[in-house]
N, C-alpha and C. Protein backbone atom coordinates (compact mmCIF):
# COMPACT_ATOMS: atom_id res chain seq x y z
N MET A 1 166.78 123.90 134.72
CA MET A 1 165.66 123.95 133.82
C MET A 1 165.97 124.88 132.65
N ARG A 2 166.67 125.96 132.92
CA ARG A 2 167.02 126.88 131.84
C ARG A 2 167.92 126.20 130.81
N GLU A 3 168.85 125.37 131.28
CA GLU A 3 169.74 124.65 130.36
C GLU A 3 168.96 123.66 129.51
N GLN A 4 168.05 122.94 130.13
CA GLN A 4 167.24 121.98 129.38
C GLN A 4 166.38 122.68 128.33
N ALA A 5 165.79 123.80 128.71
CA ALA A 5 164.95 124.54 127.77
C ALA A 5 165.78 125.08 126.60
N ALA A 6 166.98 125.55 126.89
CA ALA A 6 167.84 126.10 125.84
C ALA A 6 168.25 125.03 124.83
N GLU A 7 168.32 123.78 125.27
CA GLU A 7 168.70 122.69 124.38
C GLU A 7 167.60 122.32 123.40
N ARG A 8 166.37 122.73 123.67
CA ARG A 8 165.24 122.38 122.81
C ARG A 8 164.96 123.49 121.80
N SER A 9 165.74 123.53 120.75
CA SER A 9 165.58 124.57 119.74
C SER A 9 164.27 124.42 118.96
N ASP A 10 163.64 123.25 119.04
CA ASP A 10 162.38 123.02 118.35
C ASP A 10 161.17 123.51 119.14
N PHE A 11 161.39 123.98 120.38
CA PHE A 11 160.29 124.42 121.23
C PHE A 11 160.67 125.75 121.86
N THR A 12 160.81 126.76 121.05
CA THR A 12 161.28 128.06 121.53
C THR A 12 160.30 128.72 122.50
N GLU A 13 159.02 128.40 122.39
CA GLU A 13 158.04 129.00 123.30
C GLU A 13 158.32 128.60 124.74
N PHE A 14 158.71 127.35 124.96
CA PHE A 14 159.02 126.90 126.32
C PHE A 14 160.26 127.62 126.84
N THR A 15 161.27 127.76 125.99
CA THR A 15 162.48 128.48 126.39
C THR A 15 162.14 129.92 126.77
N GLU A 16 161.29 130.57 125.99
CA GLU A 16 160.89 131.94 126.29
C GLU A 16 160.14 132.02 127.60
N LEU A 17 159.28 131.05 127.88
CA LEU A 17 158.53 131.03 129.14
C LEU A 17 159.47 130.86 130.32
N VAL A 18 160.41 129.93 130.22
CA VAL A 18 161.37 129.70 131.31
C VAL A 18 162.21 130.95 131.55
N GLU A 19 162.66 131.58 130.49
CA GLU A 19 163.48 132.79 130.65
C GLU A 19 162.66 133.95 131.24
N ALA A 20 161.41 134.09 130.83
CA ALA A 20 160.56 135.15 131.39
C ALA A 20 160.31 134.90 132.88
N ALA A 21 160.07 133.65 133.25
CA ALA A 21 159.86 133.33 134.67
C ALA A 21 161.13 133.59 135.46
N HIS A 22 162.28 133.26 134.89
CA HIS A 22 163.54 133.48 135.59
C HIS A 22 163.82 134.98 135.78
N ALA A 23 163.36 135.79 134.86
CA ALA A 23 163.60 137.23 134.94
C ALA A 23 162.76 137.91 136.03
N GLU A 24 161.72 137.22 136.51
CA GLU A 24 160.83 137.78 137.53
C GLU A 24 161.28 137.29 138.91
N PRO A 25 161.83 138.18 139.75
CA PRO A 25 162.34 137.76 141.06
C PRO A 25 161.32 137.02 141.92
N ARG A 26 160.06 137.43 141.90
CA ARG A 26 159.05 136.75 142.73
C ARG A 26 158.85 135.32 142.27
N LEU A 27 158.94 135.06 141.00
CA LEU A 27 158.77 133.69 140.51
C LEU A 27 159.99 132.83 140.79
N ARG A 28 161.17 133.43 140.81
CA ARG A 28 162.39 132.67 141.10
C ARG A 28 162.38 132.13 142.52
N GLU A 29 161.61 132.74 143.43
CA GLU A 29 161.54 132.30 144.82
C GLU A 29 160.64 131.07 144.99
N LEU A 30 159.82 130.77 144.00
CA LEU A 30 158.84 129.70 144.12
C LEU A 30 159.42 128.36 143.68
N HIS A 31 158.82 127.30 144.19
CA HIS A 31 159.15 125.95 143.73
C HIS A 31 158.44 125.77 142.38
N VAL A 32 159.17 125.35 141.37
CA VAL A 32 158.61 125.24 140.02
C VAL A 32 158.71 123.80 139.53
N PRO A 33 157.64 123.02 139.74
CA PRO A 33 157.65 121.68 139.17
C PRO A 33 157.42 121.76 137.66
N SER A 34 158.03 120.86 136.93
CA SER A 34 157.88 120.83 135.47
C SER A 34 157.60 119.40 135.04
N SER A 35 156.63 119.25 134.16
CA SER A 35 156.30 117.92 133.65
C SER A 35 155.72 118.07 132.25
N HIS A 36 156.24 117.32 131.32
CA HIS A 36 155.71 117.30 129.95
C HIS A 36 155.62 118.72 129.37
N TRP A 37 156.66 119.49 129.55
CA TRP A 37 156.78 120.86 129.01
C TRP A 37 155.71 121.79 129.56
N THR A 38 155.32 121.56 130.80
CA THR A 38 154.38 122.43 131.50
C THR A 38 155.03 122.88 132.79
N LEU A 39 154.93 124.16 133.11
CA LEU A 39 155.47 124.67 134.36
C LEU A 39 154.33 124.90 135.34
N GLY A 40 154.61 124.65 136.60
CA GLY A 40 153.68 124.97 137.66
C GLY A 40 154.42 125.82 138.68
N PHE A 41 153.74 126.72 139.32
CA PHE A 41 154.36 127.58 140.33
C PHE A 41 153.68 127.33 141.66
N SER A 42 154.47 126.97 142.67
CA SER A 42 153.94 126.66 143.98
C SER A 42 154.54 127.63 144.99
N SER A 43 153.73 128.09 145.91
CA SER A 43 154.24 129.01 146.92
C SER A 43 155.14 128.32 147.93
N GLY A 44 155.15 126.98 147.92
CA GLY A 44 156.05 126.24 148.80
C GLY A 44 157.46 126.22 148.25
N THR A 45 158.37 125.74 149.05
CA THR A 45 159.77 125.71 148.63
C THR A 45 160.16 124.38 148.01
N GLY A 46 159.25 123.43 148.04
CA GLY A 46 159.57 122.11 147.52
C GLY A 46 160.10 121.18 148.59
N GLY A 47 160.27 121.71 149.79
CA GLY A 47 160.75 120.89 150.91
C GLY A 47 159.63 120.10 151.53
N PRO A 48 159.91 119.41 152.61
CA PRO A 48 158.88 118.60 153.28
C PRO A 48 157.73 119.47 153.76
N ARG A 49 156.55 118.92 153.66
CA ARG A 49 155.37 119.65 154.14
C ARG A 49 155.26 119.48 155.65
N PRO A 50 154.81 120.50 156.36
CA PRO A 50 154.65 120.36 157.80
C PRO A 50 153.57 119.32 158.12
N THR A 51 153.76 118.62 159.20
CA THR A 51 152.77 117.62 159.60
C THR A 51 151.60 118.30 160.30
N ALA A 52 150.43 117.70 160.18
CA ALA A 52 149.23 118.25 160.83
C ALA A 52 149.34 118.09 162.33
N ARG A 53 148.90 119.07 163.05
CA ARG A 53 148.93 119.00 164.53
C ARG A 53 147.50 118.94 165.04
N SER A 54 147.31 118.16 166.08
CA SER A 54 145.96 118.02 166.66
C SER A 54 145.74 119.05 167.73
């Protein structure tokens, strides 16, 4: 994601946001979905969700 952001010289705010998030160790541990130049931070790892137990 950092490489993609760096390639967008016309959208420096997004690059700055990605770099700031990368600089924060707690945020680097989170799953970060990205869509349409928006970042989301999830406490999950991005792996499979546990199944519900009865």
